[in-house]
Amino acid sequence: MDVTAPTLGSAATASIAAPASGTSPTSDFDTFLRLLTAQIRNQDPLEPADSTAYTAQLATFSNVEQSVKTNDLLSQMIQRLDSQQVSGAAGWIGMEVRHAGPVAHDGGSTVLHAKVNPVADRAELVIRGIDGKEVARHPIDPKAETLRWPASGQGGTVPAGQYRLHVDAWAGDRQLEPTTVDHYARVTEVVLANGGAEMILPGGVRLPAGDMQSIRRPAT
């Protein structure tokens, strides 16, 4: 009586060679070897399988196992680097960072830095809510490199919250590219997020470390 052995076809090999998340590559490799041994033991002795097929299967799984281990090591290295980044950034707490992210308004006024295209003869400061909707715009001097928003004494007229600002400018009737607006904010905390270290600024603004433009000591 002929005994037909189950073969490790492409589907079976794929299911073994792709270990589920959280499983040990070593345990999957042991399972693969047991199946391979059972396949050899139960093959038809009159029509034995080509030994090169077994070698290819073994080499393929070994490569996958090594890739999984390499990915695990890389993940551990990234976690360590992120932790080191946070530790190094801890010295930023209490410092002021310059960035173009949201402005946290709390009733006062913020000094803004904008470098408008020198050919502009007209400019407006555009204020948008954190949802992107425009809430106001004010004419400004296109030649001024710094300005205050809200204007001195008008902070109480603007609801507290986070706002995104930029400058629209024109040269005659031609509208120019919008200009980003920078400002300084004090770092109150540094946390480790999915994308790396993030600084917590007043008003709950979260700023990725890579978006920081410069850092300075607060004026005494």
Protein backbone atom coordinates (compact mmCIF):
# COMPACT_ATOMS: atom_id res chain seq x y z
CA MET A 1 0.00 0.00 0.00
CA ASP A 2 1.37 3.39 -0.96
CA VAL A 3 1.54 6.06 1.74
CA THR A 4 1.14 9.57 0.41
CA ALA A 5 2.74 12.17 2.63
CA PRO A 6 1.46 15.71 3.07
CA THR A 7 3.77 18.14 1.33
CA LEU A 8 4.83 21.58 2.37
CA GLY A 9 3.41 23.53 -0.52
CA SER A 10 3.65 27.25 -0.99
CA ALA A 11 0.56 27.98 1.13
CA ALA A 12 1.79 25.82 4.00
CA THR A 13 5.27 27.29 3.83
CA ALA A 14 3.86 30.82 3.83
CA SER A 15 1.68 30.12 6.84
CA ILE A 16 4.67 28.81 8.79
CA ALA A 17 7.19 31.34 7.51
CA ALA A 18 5.08 34.33 8.57
CA PRO A 19 4.97 34.07 12.38
CA ALA A 20 2.08 35.77 14.10
CA SER A 21 2.76 38.92 16.06
CA GLY A 22 4.07 38.13 19.52
CA THR A 23 5.12 34.52 18.71
CA SER A 24 8.69 33.34 19.09
CA PRO A 25 10.61 32.78 15.83
CA THR A 26 12.39 29.87 17.55
CA SER A 27 9.12 28.07 18.34
CA ASP A 28 7.93 28.56 14.75
CA PHE A 29 11.23 27.19 13.46
CA ASP A 30 10.86 24.11 15.69
CA THR A 31 7.35 23.57 14.31
CA PHE A 32 8.71 23.86 10.78
CA LEU A 33 11.39 21.24 11.49
CA ARG A 34 8.83 18.83 12.96
CA LEU A 35 6.62 19.17 9.89
CA LEU A 36 9.59 18.79 7.58
CA THR A 37 10.70 15.65 9.46
CA ALA A 38 7.18 14.20 9.26
CA GLN A 39 7.11 14.93 5.53
CA ILE A 40 10.42 13.08 4.99
CA ARG A 41 9.36 10.16 7.19
CA ASN A 42 6.03 9.66 5.42
CA GLN A 43 7.07 10.26 1.84
CA ASP A 44 6.52 7.60 -0.82
CA PRO A 45 9.77 5.58 -0.84
CA LEU A 46 9.23 4.78 -4.53
CA GLU A 47 8.98 8.46 -5.41
CA PRO A 48 10.98 10.38 -2.82
CA ALA A 49 10.85 14.16 -2.86
CA ASP A 50 13.77 16.08 -4.30
CA SER A 51 16.23 16.90 -1.51
CA THR A 52 16.82 20.33 -3.01
CA ALA A 53 13.19 21.20 -2.26
CA TYR A 54 13.79 20.51 1.45
CA THR A 55 16.96 22.57 1.37
CA ALA A 56 15.16 25.48 -0.30
CA GLN A 57 12.34 25.35 2.28
CA LEU A 58 14.83 25.28 5.14
CA ALA A 59 16.85 28.18 3.71
CA THR A 60 13.70 30.25 3.12
CA PHE A 61 12.49 29.81 6.67
CA SER A 62 15.94 30.52 8.09
CA ASN A 63 16.00 33.83 6.18
CA VAL A 64 12.55 34.78 7.51
CA GLU A 65 13.58 33.85 11.05
CA GLN A 66 16.69 36.02 10.77
CA SER A 67 14.63 38.94 9.41
CA VAL A 68 12.22 38.72 12.35
CA LYS A 69 15.10 38.75 14.83
CA THR A 70 16.68 41.71 13.02
CA ASN A 71 13.40 43.66 13.17
CA ASP A 72 13.11 42.93 16.89
CA LEU A 73 16.65 44.21 17.48
CA LEU A 74 15.95 47.37 15.44
CA SER A 75 12.79 48.03 17.46
CA GLN A 76 14.78 47.73 20.69
CA MET A 77 17.44 50.11 19.36
CA ILE A 78 14.81 52.67 18.32
CA GLN A 79 13.20 52.53 21.76
CA ARG A 80 16.56 53.12 23.40
CA LEU A 81 17.36 56.03 21.07
CA ASP A 82 13.95 57.59 21.75
CA SER A 83 14.54 57.28 25.50
CA GLN A 84 17.96 58.90 25.13
CA GLN A 85 16.39 61.69 23.07
CA VAL A 86 13.88 62.41 25.83
CA SER A 87 16.62 62.33 28.46
CA GLY A 88 18.68 64.80 26.45
CA ALA A 89 15.67 67.03 25.80
CA ALA A 90 14.89 67.22 29.52
CA GLY A 91 17.34 70.13 29.64
CA TRP A 92 14.97 72.11 27.43
CA ILE A 93 12.34 72.37 30.16
CA GLY A 94 12.00 76.01 31.13
CA MET A 95 13.67 77.18 27.90
CA GLU A 96 11.91 79.04 25.09
CA VAL A 97 11.69 77.41 21.66
CA ARG A 98 10.91 79.14 18.39
CA HIS A 99 8.45 77.36 16.12
CA ALA A 100 5.72 77.90 13.52
CA GLY A 101 3.11 75.75 15.26
CA PRO A 102 -0.12 76.80 16.99
CA VAL A 103 -0.18 79.90 19.18
CA ALA A 104 -1.75 79.32 22.60
CA HIS A 105 -3.72 82.45 23.46
CA ASP A 106 -4.55 83.04 27.12
CA GLY A 107 -5.69 86.66 27.14
CA GLY A 108 -2.35 88.40 26.62
CA SER A 109 -0.49 89.04 23.39
CA THR A 110 2.26 87.12 21.60
CA VAL A 111 5.26 88.54 19.74
CA LEU A 112 5.26 87.14 16.21
CA HIS A 113 8.13 86.92 13.74
CA ALA A 114 7.31 87.09 10.04
CA LYS A 115 9.59 87.72 7.08
CA VAL A 116 7.25 88.85 4.32
CA ASN A 117 8.41 88.87 0.70
CA PRO A 118 10.23 92.23 0.23
CA VAL A 119 8.27 93.00 -2.95
CA ALA A 120 4.99 93.01 -1.00
CA ASP A 121 3.21 96.33 -0.69
CA ARG A 122 0.26 95.01 1.34
CA ALA A 123 -0.11 92.24 3.92
CA GLU A 124 -2.65 90.77 6.31
CA LEU A 125 -2.23 88.58 9.37
CA VAL A 126 -4.65 85.64 9.02
CA ILE A 127 -5.90 83.91 12.18
CA ARG A 128 -7.46 80.46 12.02
CA GLY A 129 -8.85 78.23 14.71
CA ILE A 130 -7.22 74.90 15.41
CA ASP A 131 -9.92 73.40 13.17
CA GLY A 132 -8.58 75.43 10.22
CA LYS A 133 -11.51 77.85 9.98
CA GLU A 134 -10.61 81.50 9.52
CA VAL A 135 -11.69 83.63 12.48
CA ALA A 136 -10.09 87.00 11.70
CA ARG A 137 -7.54 88.88 9.60
CA HIS A 138 -5.82 92.19 10.28
CA PRO A 139 -3.78 94.53 8.02
CA ILE A 140 -0.09 94.66 8.99
CA ASP A 141 3.01 96.48 7.82
CA PRO A 142 4.65 94.13 5.27
CA LYS A 143 8.07 95.57 6.13
CA ALA A 144 7.81 94.82 9.86
CA GLU A 145 9.65 91.69 10.98
CA THR A 146 7.89 91.51 14.34
CA LEU A 147 4.34 92.29 15.46
CA ARG A 148 2.02 91.53 18.35
CA TRP A 149 -1.17 89.51 18.25
CA PRO A 150 -3.64 90.40 19.54
CA ALA A 151 -2.68 94.05 19.51
CA SER A 152 -1.71 95.55 22.85
CA GLY A 153 -4.75 95.85 25.09
CA GLN A 154 -7.00 93.70 22.89
CA GLY A 155 -6.09 90.28 24.23
CA GLY A 156 -9.28 90.01 26.23
CA THR A 157 -11.41 90.29 23.09
CA VAL A 158 -10.11 86.98 21.69
CA PRO A 159 -11.33 83.69 23.23
CA ALA A 160 -8.61 81.64 24.88
CA GLY A 161 -7.42 78.64 22.85
CA GLN A 162 -5.01 77.52 20.16
CA TYR A 163 -4.73 79.40 16.87
CA ARG A 164 -2.78 78.96 13.63
CA LEU A 165 -1.40 82.12 12.01
CA HIS A 166 0.13 83.06 8.68
CA VAL A 167 0.54 86.19 6.54
CA ASP A 168 -1.10 86.78 3.16
CA ALA A 169 0.70 89.39 1.06
CA TRP A 170 0.24 91.11 -2.29
CA ALA A 171 2.41 93.00 -4.74
CA GLY A 172 -0.10 95.20 -6.50
CA ASP A 173 -2.92 92.88 -7.59
CA ARG A 174 -0.72 89.76 -7.50
CA GLN A 175 -1.04 87.60 -4.40
CA LEU A 176 2.26 86.20 -3.14
CA GLU A 177 3.02 82.93 -1.40
CA PRO A 178 1.73 82.86 2.22
CA THR A 179 4.37 83.57 4.87
CA THR A 180 4.74 81.41 7.96
CA VAL A 181 4.66 83.10 11.35
CA ASP A 182 7.03 82.05 14.13
CA HIS A 183 6.91 82.71 17.84
CA TYR A 184 8.62 81.65 21.07
CA ALA A 185 6.97 79.52 23.74
CA ARG A 186 8.30 78.07 26.98
CA VAL A 187 8.75 74.31 27.32
CA THR A 188 6.87 72.90 30.32
CA GLU A 189 7.41 69.16 29.71
CA VAL A 190 9.10 66.69 27.35
CA VAL A 191 7.33 63.41 26.53
CA LEU A 192 8.02 60.36 24.39
CA ALA A 193 5.42 60.04 21.61
CA ASN A 194 5.12 57.60 18.71
CA GLY A 195 7.22 59.85 16.49
CA GLY A 196 9.89 60.54 19.12
CA ALA A 197 10.33 63.30 21.68
CA GLU A 198 7.67 66.01 21.87
CA MET A 199 7.70 69.23 23.85
CA ILE A 200 4.62 70.34 25.76
CA LEU A 201 4.12 74.11 25.54
CA PRO A 202 1.64 76.44 27.28
CA GLY A 203 -1.97 75.84 26.35
CA GLY A 204 -1.34 72.14 25.74
CA VAL A 205 0.47 72.68 22.42
CA ARG A 206 2.53 69.60 21.49
CA LEU A 207 5.61 70.32 19.39
CA PRO A 208 7.72 67.51 17.85
CA ALA A 209 11.40 68.08 18.59
CA GLY A 210 12.12 68.17 14.85
CA ASP A 211 9.84 71.21 14.39
CA MET A 212 11.85 73.38 16.76
CA GLN A 213 13.72 76.15 14.92
CA SER A 214 15.82 77.54 17.76
CA ILE A 215 16.04 77.58 21.55
CA ARG A 216 16.94 80.34 24.00
CA ARG A 217 16.96 81.17 27.66
CA PRO A 218 13.95 83.18 28.81
CA ALA A 219 14.56 86.87 29.26
CA THR A 220 14.98 87.75 32.94
